[in-house]
């Protein structure tokens, strides 16, 4: 027993072992629940979301729901055709193609920036890639899509170009939200081996960027962006 310590007295907790409890607002909780429902397929593309109904469901005020829906519009999960008419994001094949037409060149530009920089910070991408593989092997499409977005965010952040990030964030999020919801409706589009193969292409991107091979990295990026599902969107 240490001298000076009373028998039966528990040692005081070290200040370094404690941390502040994060405060989560009601708006953030509503956003989290609606986003999770979309990614589970409980809320379908094109389904209308009404403020009174959601307020009753979550037992919060309509103002809180309104703020949550406005935030989700900015991240692409919902669309607001009028101030009080909100729908889960639904895109046509033509709209998906238009998003890809803008997003892909910017993603490729990010790879060029990274390939030209020695020792670019890609540890966040490595972590997301490992998580993607684990989700793919488990057949967990919801987790995989979330880690996929984090992988791309890691690439954008590693460039250090905040304007690139600002442009790509809403494009990628809107496309991810709709692509995932569509995959829930059409689950036959993805088997576990296909998901694992798709994830492996992301690992190839990282390896090529680290060798400075921008052209091959860009080819791998194009291959990793599966667009086979788009042809069935309008049907």
C-alpha atoms as a PDB file:
ATOM      1  CA  UNK A   1       0.000   0.000   0.000  1.00  0.00           C
ATOM      2  CA  UNK A   2       1.283   3.468  -0.797  1.00  0.00           C
ATOM      3  CA  UNK A   3       2.126   5.539   2.254  1.00  0.00           C
ATOM      4  CA  UNK A   4      -0.200   8.458   2.839  1.00  0.00           C
ATOM      5  CA  UNK A   5      -3.190   6.806   1.130  1.00  0.00           C
ATOM      6  CA  UNK A   6      -6.044   5.827   3.401  1.00  0.00           C
ATOM      7  CA  UNK A   7      -7.021   2.184   3.288  1.00  0.00           C
ATOM      8  CA  UNK A   8     -10.212   1.768   1.208  1.00  0.00           C
ATOM      9  CA  UNK A   9      -9.965   5.180  -0.397  1.00  0.00           C
ATOM     10  CA  UNK A  10     -10.151   5.082  -4.205  1.00  0.00           C
ATOM     11  CA  UNK A  11      -7.530   7.134  -6.040  1.00  0.00           C
ATOM     12  CA  UNK A  12      -8.775  10.283  -7.694  1.00  0.00           C
ATOM     13  CA  UNK A  13      -9.251  10.138 -11.450  1.00  0.00           C
ATOM     14  CA  UNK A  14      -6.585  11.847 -13.479  1.00  0.00           C
ATOM     15  CA  UNK A  15      -7.769  14.977 -15.259  1.00  0.00           C
ATOM     16  CA  UNK A  16      -6.135  13.673 -18.454  1.00  0.00           C
ATOM     17  CA  UNK A  17      -8.411  10.592 -18.409  1.00  0.00           C
ATOM     18  CA  UNK A  18     -11.548  12.688 -18.533  1.00  0.00           C
ATOM     19  CA  UNK A  19     -13.028  14.657 -21.391  1.00  0.00           C
ATOM     20  CA  UNK A  20     -16.000  16.917 -21.908  1.00  0.00           C
ATOM     21  CA  UNK A  21     -19.288  15.277 -22.844  1.00  0.00           C
ATOM     22  CA  UNK A  22     -20.240  16.538 -26.309  1.00  0.00           C
ATOM     23  CA  UNK A  23     -23.476  18.467 -26.470  1.00  0.00           C
ATOM     24  CA  UNK A  24     -25.807  17.398 -29.244  1.00  0.00           C
ATOM     25  CA  UNK A  25     -28.627  19.728 -30.241  1.00  0.00           C
ATOM     26  CA  UNK A  26     -32.157  18.547 -30.974  1.00  0.00           C
ATOM     27  CA  UNK A  27     -31.650  19.638 -34.599  1.00  0.00           C
ATOM     28  CA  UNK A  28     -28.560  17.443 -34.935  1.00  0.00           C
ATOM     29  CA  UNK A  29     -30.436  14.471 -33.488  1.00  0.00           C
ATOM     30  CA  UNK A  30     -33.279  14.945 -35.982  1.00  0.00           C
ATOM     31  CA  UNK A  31     -30.761  15.160 -38.840  1.00  0.00           C
ATOM     32  CA  UNK A  32     -29.058  11.981 -37.638  1.00  0.00           C
ATOM     33  CA  UNK A  33     -32.326  10.019 -37.360  1.00  0.00           C
ATOM     34  CA  UNK A  34     -33.676  11.093 -40.756  1.00  0.00           C
ATOM     35  CA  UNK A  35     -30.352  10.402 -42.478  1.00  0.00           C
ATOM     36  CA  UNK A  36     -30.183   6.942 -40.875  1.00  0.00           C
ATOM     37  CA  UNK A  37     -33.752   6.180 -41.998  1.00  0.00           C
ATOM     38  CA  UNK A  38     -32.851   7.134 -45.578  1.00  0.00           C
ATOM     39  CA  UNK A  39     -29.740   4.961 -45.513  1.00  0.00           C
ATOM     40  CA  UNK A  40     -31.714   2.018 -44.118  1.00  0.00           C
ATOM     41  CA  UNK A  41     -34.246   2.375 -46.898  1.00  0.00           C
ATOM     42  CA  UNK A  42     -37.106   3.226 -44.540  1.00  0.00           C
ATOM     43  CA  UNK A  43     -37.536   6.562 -46.303  1.00  0.00           C
ATOM     44  CA  UNK A  44     -37.615   6.127 -50.084  1.00  0.00           C
ATOM     45  CA  UNK A  45     -36.360   8.454 -52.845  1.00  0.00           C
ATOM     46  CA  UNK A  46     -39.103  10.958 -53.663  1.00  0.00           C
ATOM     47  CA  UNK A  47     -40.995  10.359 -50.402  1.00  0.00           C
ATOM     48  CA  UNK A  48     -42.414  13.546 -48.927  1.00  0.00           C
ATOM     49  CA  UNK A  49     -41.338  14.659 -45.468  1.00  0.00           C
ATOM     50  CA  UNK A  50     -43.692  16.976 -43.573  1.00  0.00           C
ATOM     51  CA  UNK A  51     -42.659  19.134 -40.648  1.00  0.00           C
ATOM     52  CA  UNK A  52     -45.754  18.425 -38.462  1.00  0.00           C
ATOM     53  CA  UNK A  53     -45.406  14.654 -38.879  1.00  0.00           C
ATOM     54  CA  UNK A  54     -41.692  14.639 -38.126  1.00  0.00           C
ATOM     55  CA  UNK A  55     -42.196  16.980 -35.166  1.00  0.00           C
ATOM     56  CA  UNK A  56     -44.738  14.550 -33.672  1.00  0.00           C
ATOM     57  CA  UNK A  57     -42.465  11.576 -34.337  1.00  0.00           C
ATOM     58  CA  UNK A  58     -39.420  13.124 -32.688  1.00  0.00           C
ATOM     59  CA  UNK A  59     -41.403  15.116 -30.092  1.00  0.00           C
ATOM     60  CA  UNK A  60     -39.696  18.372 -30.988  1.00  0.00           C
ATOM     61  CA  UNK A  61     -40.929  21.684 -32.320  1.00  0.00           C
ATOM     62  CA  UNK A  62     -41.574  22.255 -36.006  1.00  0.00           C
ATOM     63  CA  UNK A  63     -38.910  24.965 -36.029  1.00  0.00           C
ATOM     64  CA  UNK A  64     -36.328  22.359 -35.024  1.00  0.00           C
ATOM     65  CA  UNK A  65     -37.475  20.033 -37.808  1.00  0.00           C
ATOM     66  CA  UNK A  66     -37.387  22.907 -40.299  1.00  0.00           C
ATOM     67  CA  UNK A  67     -33.787  23.709 -39.371  1.00  0.00           C
ATOM     68  CA  UNK A  68     -32.845  20.029 -39.691  1.00  0.00           C
ATOM     69  CA  UNK A  69     -34.413  19.751 -43.154  1.00  0.00           C
ATOM     70  CA  UNK A  70     -32.670  22.902 -44.364  1.00  0.00           C
ATOM     71  CA  UNK A  71     -29.335  21.443 -43.225  1.00  0.00           C
ATOM     72  CA  UNK A  72     -30.119  18.143 -44.973  1.00  0.00           C
ATOM     73  CA  UNK A  73     -30.936  20.017 -48.147  1.00  0.00           C
ATOM     74  CA  UNK A  74     -27.457  21.539 -48.086  1.00  0.00           C
ATOM     75  CA  UNK A  75     -25.878  18.092 -47.684  1.00  0.00           C
ATOM     76  CA  UNK A  76     -28.016  16.621 -50.470  1.00  0.00           C
ATOM     77  CA  UNK A  77     -30.164  14.130 -48.580  1.00  0.00           C
ATOM     78  CA  UNK A  78     -33.423  15.985 -49.210  1.00  0.00           C
ATOM     79  CA  UNK A  79     -34.832  18.351 -51.833  1.00  0.00           C
ATOM     80  CA  UNK A  80     -37.131  21.300 -51.152  1.00  0.00           C
ATOM     81  CA  UNK A  81     -39.249  22.276 -54.140  1.00  0.00           C
ATOM     82  CA  UNK A  82     -41.122  24.911 -52.143  1.00  0.00           C
ATOM     83  CA  UNK A  83     -40.543  26.367 -48.667  1.00  0.00           C
ATOM     84  CA  UNK A  84     -42.836  23.801 -47.039  1.00  0.00           C
ATOM     85  CA  UNK A  85     -42.507  20.870 -49.467  1.00  0.00           C
ATOM     86  CA  UNK A  86     -39.566  18.580 -48.784  1.00  0.00           C
ATOM     87  CA  UNK A  87     -38.787  15.203 -50.361  1.00  0.00           C
ATOM     88  CA  UNK A  88     -36.103  12.553 -49.962  1.00  0.00           C
ATOM     89  CA  UNK A  89     -33.648  13.186 -52.791  1.00  0.00           C
ATOM     90  CA  UNK A  90     -34.636  11.527 -56.034  1.00  0.00           C
ATOM     91  CA  UNK A  91     -32.576  11.966 -59.205  1.00  0.00           C
ATOM     92  CA  UNK A  92     -33.139  11.040 -62.817  1.00  0.00           C
ATOM     93  CA  UNK A  93     -30.464   9.220 -64.807  1.00  0.00           C
ATOM     94  CA  UNK A  94     -29.766  12.490 -66.632  1.00  0.00           C
ATOM     95  CA  UNK A  95     -29.255  14.332 -63.332  1.00  0.00           C
ATOM     96  CA  UNK A  96     -26.903  11.620 -62.078  1.00  0.00           C
ATOM     97  CA  UNK A  97     -24.886  11.905 -65.295  1.00  0.00           C
ATOM     98  CA  UNK A  98     -24.713  15.684 -64.858  1.00  0.00           C
ATOM     99  CA  UNK A  99     -23.361  15.280 -61.323  1.00  0.00           C
ATOM    100  CA  UNK A 100     -20.735  12.811 -62.511  1.00  0.00           C
ATOM    101  CA  UNK A 101     -19.793  15.199 -65.325  1.00  0.00           C
ATOM    102  CA  UNK A 102     -18.862  17.826 -62.733  1.00  0.00           C
ATOM    103  CA  UNK A 103     -17.599  15.609 -59.921  1.00  0.00           C
ATOM    104  CA  UNK A 104     -15.278  13.279 -61.839  1.00  0.00           C
ATOM    105  CA  UNK A 105     -12.941  15.950 -63.304  1.00  0.00           C
ATOM    106  CA  UNK A 106     -12.599  17.483 -59.823  1.00  0.00           C
ATOM    107  CA  UNK A 107     -11.815  14.107 -58.243  1.00  0.00           C
ATOM    108  CA  UNK A 108      -9.163  13.533 -60.917  1.00  0.00           C
ATOM    109  CA  UNK A 109      -7.735  16.997 -60.300  1.00  0.00           C
ATOM    110  CA  UNK A 110      -7.412  16.096 -56.606  1.00  0.00           C
ATOM    111  CA  UNK A 111      -5.385  13.013 -57.515  1.00  0.00           C
ATOM    112  CA  UNK A 112      -3.054  15.069 -59.683  1.00  0.00           C
ATOM    113  CA  UNK A 113      -2.445  17.431 -56.768  1.00  0.00           C
ATOM    114  CA  UNK A 114      -1.751  14.551 -54.390  1.00  0.00           C
ATOM    115  CA  UNK A 115       0.478  12.573 -56.757  1.00  0.00           C
ATOM    116  CA  UNK A 116       2.723  15.612 -57.191  1.00  0.00           C
ATOM    117  CA  UNK A 117       3.221  15.974 -53.423  1.00  0.00           C
ATOM    118  CA  UNK A 118       5.646  13.650 -51.616  1.00  0.00           C
ATOM    119  CA  UNK A 119       4.396  12.215 -48.338  1.00  0.00           C
ATOM    120  CA  UNK A 120       0.888  13.636 -48.719  1.00  0.00           C
ATOM    121  CA  UNK A 121      -1.266  12.972 -45.612  1.00  0.00           C
ATOM    122  CA  UNK A 122      -3.435   9.975 -46.483  1.00  0.00           C
ATOM    123  CA  UNK A 123      -3.769   8.233 -43.120  1.00  0.00           C
ATOM    124  CA  UNK A 124      -7.483   9.156 -42.928  1.00  0.00           C
ATOM    125  CA  UNK A 125      -8.002   7.533 -46.330  1.00  0.00           C
ATOM    126  CA  UNK A 126      -6.163   4.399 -45.170  1.00  0.00           C
ATOM    127  CA  UNK A 127      -8.486   4.103 -42.188  1.00  0.00           C
ATOM    128  CA  UNK A 128     -11.601   4.643 -44.310  1.00  0.00           C
ATOM    129  CA  UNK A 129     -10.372   2.081 -46.834  1.00  0.00           C
ATOM    130  CA  UNK A 130      -9.895  -0.580 -44.148  1.00  0.00           C
ATOM    131  CA  UNK A 131     -13.353   0.166 -42.763  1.00  0.00           C
ATOM    132  CA  UNK A 132     -14.837  -0.069 -46.283  1.00  0.00           C
ATOM    133  CA  UNK A 133     -13.305  -3.505 -46.773  1.00  0.00           C
ATOM    134  CA  UNK A 134     -14.633  -4.767 -43.441  1.00  0.00           C
ATOM    135  CA  UNK A 135     -18.123  -3.460 -44.270  1.00  0.00           C
ATOM    136  CA  UNK A 136     -17.970  -5.018 -47.747  1.00  0.00           C
ATOM    137  CA  UNK A 137     -16.959  -8.423 -46.388  1.00  0.00           C
ATOM    138  CA  UNK A 138     -19.860  -8.223 -43.938  1.00  0.00           C
ATOM    139  CA  UNK A 139     -22.239  -7.202 -46.722  1.00  0.00           C
ATOM    140  CA  UNK A 140     -23.088  -4.016 -44.815  1.00  0.00           C
ATOM    141  CA  UNK A 141     -23.897  -1.581 -47.599  1.00  0.00           C
ATOM    142  CA  UNK A 142     -24.946   1.189 -45.236  1.00  0.00           C
ATOM    143  CA  UNK A 143     -21.582   1.320 -43.473  1.00  0.00           C
ATOM    144  CA  UNK A 144     -19.673   0.853 -46.712  1.00  0.00           C
ATOM    145  CA  UNK A 145     -21.261   3.873 -48.375  1.00  0.00           C
ATOM    146  CA  UNK A 146     -20.587   6.009 -45.340  1.00  0.00           C
ATOM    147  CA  UNK A 147     -16.903   5.032 -45.270  1.00  0.00           C
ATOM    148  CA  UNK A 148     -16.737   5.533 -49.037  1.00  0.00           C
ATOM    149  CA  UNK A 149     -17.701   9.169 -48.586  1.00  0.00           C
ATOM    150  CA  UNK A 150     -15.154   9.519 -45.779  1.00  0.00           C
ATOM    151  CA  UNK A 151     -12.483   8.068 -48.099  1.00  0.00           C
ATOM    152  CA  UNK A 152     -13.139  10.742 -50.706  1.00  0.00           C
ATOM    153  CA  UNK A 153     -13.318  13.470 -48.071  1.00  0.00           C
ATOM    154  CA  UNK A 154      -9.884  12.339 -46.933  1.00  0.00           C
ATOM    155  CA  UNK A 155      -8.537  12.754 -50.454  1.00  0.00           C
ATOM    156  CA  UNK A 156     -10.001  16.249 -50.795  1.00  0.00           C
ATOM    157  CA  UNK A 157      -8.680  17.310 -47.394  1.00  0.00           C
ATOM    158  CA  UNK A 158      -5.206  15.986 -48.201  1.00  0.00           C
ATOM    159  CA  UNK A 159      -4.961  18.394 -51.147  1.00  0.00           C
ATOM    160  CA  UNK A 160      -5.263  21.333 -48.765  1.00  0.00           C
ATOM    161  CA  UNK A 161      -7.567  23.049 -51.281  1.00  0.00           C
ATOM    162  CA  UNK A 162     -10.626  24.210 -49.333  1.00  0.00           C
ATOM    163  CA  UNK A 163     -12.430  25.367 -52.476  1.00  0.00           C
ATOM    164  CA  UNK A 164     -12.185  21.906 -53.976  1.00  0.00           C
ATOM    165  CA  UNK A 165     -13.722  20.497 -50.811  1.00  0.00           C
ATOM    166  CA  UNK A 166     -16.542  23.051 -50.800  1.00  0.00           C
ATOM    167  CA  UNK A 167     -17.557  22.190 -54.370  1.00  0.00           C
ATOM    168  CA  UNK A 168     -17.247  18.410 -54.067  1.00  0.00           C
ATOM    169  CA  UNK A 169     -19.000  17.974 -50.707  1.00  0.00           C
ATOM    170  CA  UNK A 170     -22.613  18.671 -51.796  1.00  0.00           C
ATOM    171  CA  UNK A 171     -22.149  16.866 -55.129  1.00  0.00           C
ATOM    172  CA  UNK A 172     -20.765  13.703 -53.568  1.00  0.00           C
ATOM    173  CA  UNK A 173     -23.221  13.689 -50.664  1.00  0.00           C
ATOM    174  CA  UNK A 174     -26.279  14.116 -52.858  1.00  0.00           C
ATOM    175  CA  UNK A 175     -25.105  11.373 -55.196  1.00  0.00           C
ATOM    176  CA  UNK A 176     -24.234   9.062 -52.310  1.00  0.00           C
ATOM    177  CA  UNK A 177     -27.601   9.576 -50.623  1.00  0.00           C
ATOM    178  CA  UNK A 178     -29.536   8.750 -53.756  1.00  0.00           C
ATOM    179  CA  UNK A 179     -27.226   5.929 -54.906  1.00  0.00           C
ATOM    180  CA  UNK A 180     -27.528   4.242 -51.540  1.00  0.00           C
ATOM    181  CA  UNK A 181     -31.306   4.577 -51.369  1.00  0.00           C
ATOM    182  CA  UNK A 182     -31.536   3.198 -54.893  1.00  0.00           C
ATOM    183  CA  UNK A 183     -29.296   0.250 -53.960  1.00  0.00           C
ATOM    184  CA  UNK A 184     -31.660  -0.564 -51.068  1.00  0.00           C
ATOM    185  CA  UNK A 185     -34.542  -0.744 -53.538  1.00  0.00           C
ATOM    186  CA  UNK A 186     -32.474  -2.778 -56.028  1.00  0.00           C
ATOM    187  CA  UNK A 187     -30.242  -4.933 -53.765  1.00  0.00           C
ATOM    188  CA  UNK A 188     -29.424  -7.384 -56.568  1.00  0.00           C
ATOM    189  CA  UNK A 189     -27.073  -4.760 -58.017  1.00  0.00           C
ATOM    190  CA  UNK A 190     -24.483  -5.621 -55.372  1.00  0.00           C
ATOM    191  CA  UNK A 191     -23.105  -8.956 -54.162  1.00  0.00           C
ATOM    192  CA  UNK A 192     -20.466  -9.283 -51.452  1.00  0.00           C
ATOM    193  CA  UNK A 193     -17.683 -10.210 -53.938  1.00  0.00           C
ATOM    194  CA  UNK A 194     -18.620  -7.182 -56.079  1.00  0.00           C
ATOM    195  CA  UNK A 195     -18.481  -4.900 -53.057  1.00  0.00           C
ATOM    196  CA  UNK A 196     -15.070  -6.249 -52.029  1.00  0.00           C
ATOM    197  CA  UNK A 197     -13.769  -5.803 -55.578  1.00  0.00           C
ATOM    198  CA  UNK A 198     -15.064  -2.234 -55.679  1.00  0.00           C
ATOM    199  CA  UNK A 199     -13.353  -1.453 -52.374  1.00  0.00           C
ATOM    200  CA  UNK A 200     -10.075  -2.929 -53.577  1.00  0.00           C
ATOM    201  CA  UNK A 201      -9.991  -0.304 -56.319  1.00  0.00           C
ATOM    202  CA  UNK A 202      -9.880   2.374 -53.633  1.00  0.00           C
ATOM    203  CA  UNK A 203      -6.799   0.719 -52.161  1.00  0.00           C
ATOM    204  CA  UNK A 204      -5.231   0.777 -55.618  1.00  0.00           C
ATOM    205  CA  UNK A 205      -5.867   4.531 -55.830  1.00  0.00           C
ATOM    206  CA  UNK A 206      -3.932   5.113 -52.605  1.00  0.00           C
ATOM    207  CA  UNK A 207      -1.024   2.943 -53.696  1.00  0.00           C
ATOM    208  CA  UNK A 208      -0.715   4.730 -57.030  1.00  0.00           C
ATOM    209  CA  UNK A 209      -0.947   8.199 -55.498  1.00  0.00           C
ATOM    210  CA  UNK A 210       1.871   7.298 -53.128  1.00  0.00           C
ATOM    211  CA  UNK A 211       4.082   6.272 -56.050  1.00  0.00           C
ATOM    212  CA  UNK A 212       3.325   9.557 -57.796  1.00  0.00           C
ATOM    213  CA  UNK A 213       1.624   7.847 -60.752  1.00  0.00           C
ATOM    214  CA  UNK A 214      -1.169  10.343 -61.393  1.00  0.00           C
ATOM    215  CA  UNK A 215      -2.358   8.845 -64.683  1.00  0.00           C
ATOM    216  CA  UNK A 216      -2.788   5.318 -63.338  1.00  0.00           C
ATOM    217  CA  UNK A 217      -4.368   6.692 -60.159  1.00  0.00           C
ATOM    218  CA  UNK A 218      -6.907   8.558 -62.278  1.00  0.00           C
ATOM    219  CA  UNK A 219      -7.724   5.407 -64.241  1.00  0.00           C
ATOM    220  CA  UNK A 220      -8.283   3.573 -60.959  1.00  0.00           C
ATOM    221  CA  UNK A 221     -10.564   6.390 -59.770  1.00  0.00           C
ATOM    222  CA  UNK A 222     -12.680   6.142 -62.921  1.00  0.00           C
ATOM    223  CA  UNK A 223     -12.956   2.361 -62.445  1.00  0.00           C
ATOM    224  CA  UNK A 224     -13.935   2.789 -58.792  1.00  0.00           C
ATOM    225  CA  UNK A 225     -16.917   4.974 -59.643  1.00  0.00           C
ATOM    226  CA  UNK A 226     -19.443   2.275 -60.438  1.00  0.00           C
ATOM    227  CA  UNK A 227     -22.122   3.697 -62.722  1.00  0.00           C
ATOM    228  CA  UNK A 228     -23.772   0.477 -63.899  1.00  0.00           C
ATOM    229  CA  UNK A 229     -26.758   1.136 -61.662  1.00  0.00           C
ATOM    230  CA  UNK A 230     -27.567   4.455 -63.357  1.00  0.00           C
ATOM    231  CA  UNK A 231     -29.139   2.833 -66.435  1.00  0.00           C
ATOM    232  CA  UNK A 232     -31.930   1.435 -64.250  1.00  0.00           C
ATOM    233  CA  UNK A 233     -32.722   4.656 -62.385  1.00  0.00           C
ATOM    234  CA  UNK A 234     -35.539   5.918 -64.590  1.00  0.00           C
ATOM    235  CA  UNK A 235     -37.197   2.498 -64.728  1.00  0.00           C
END
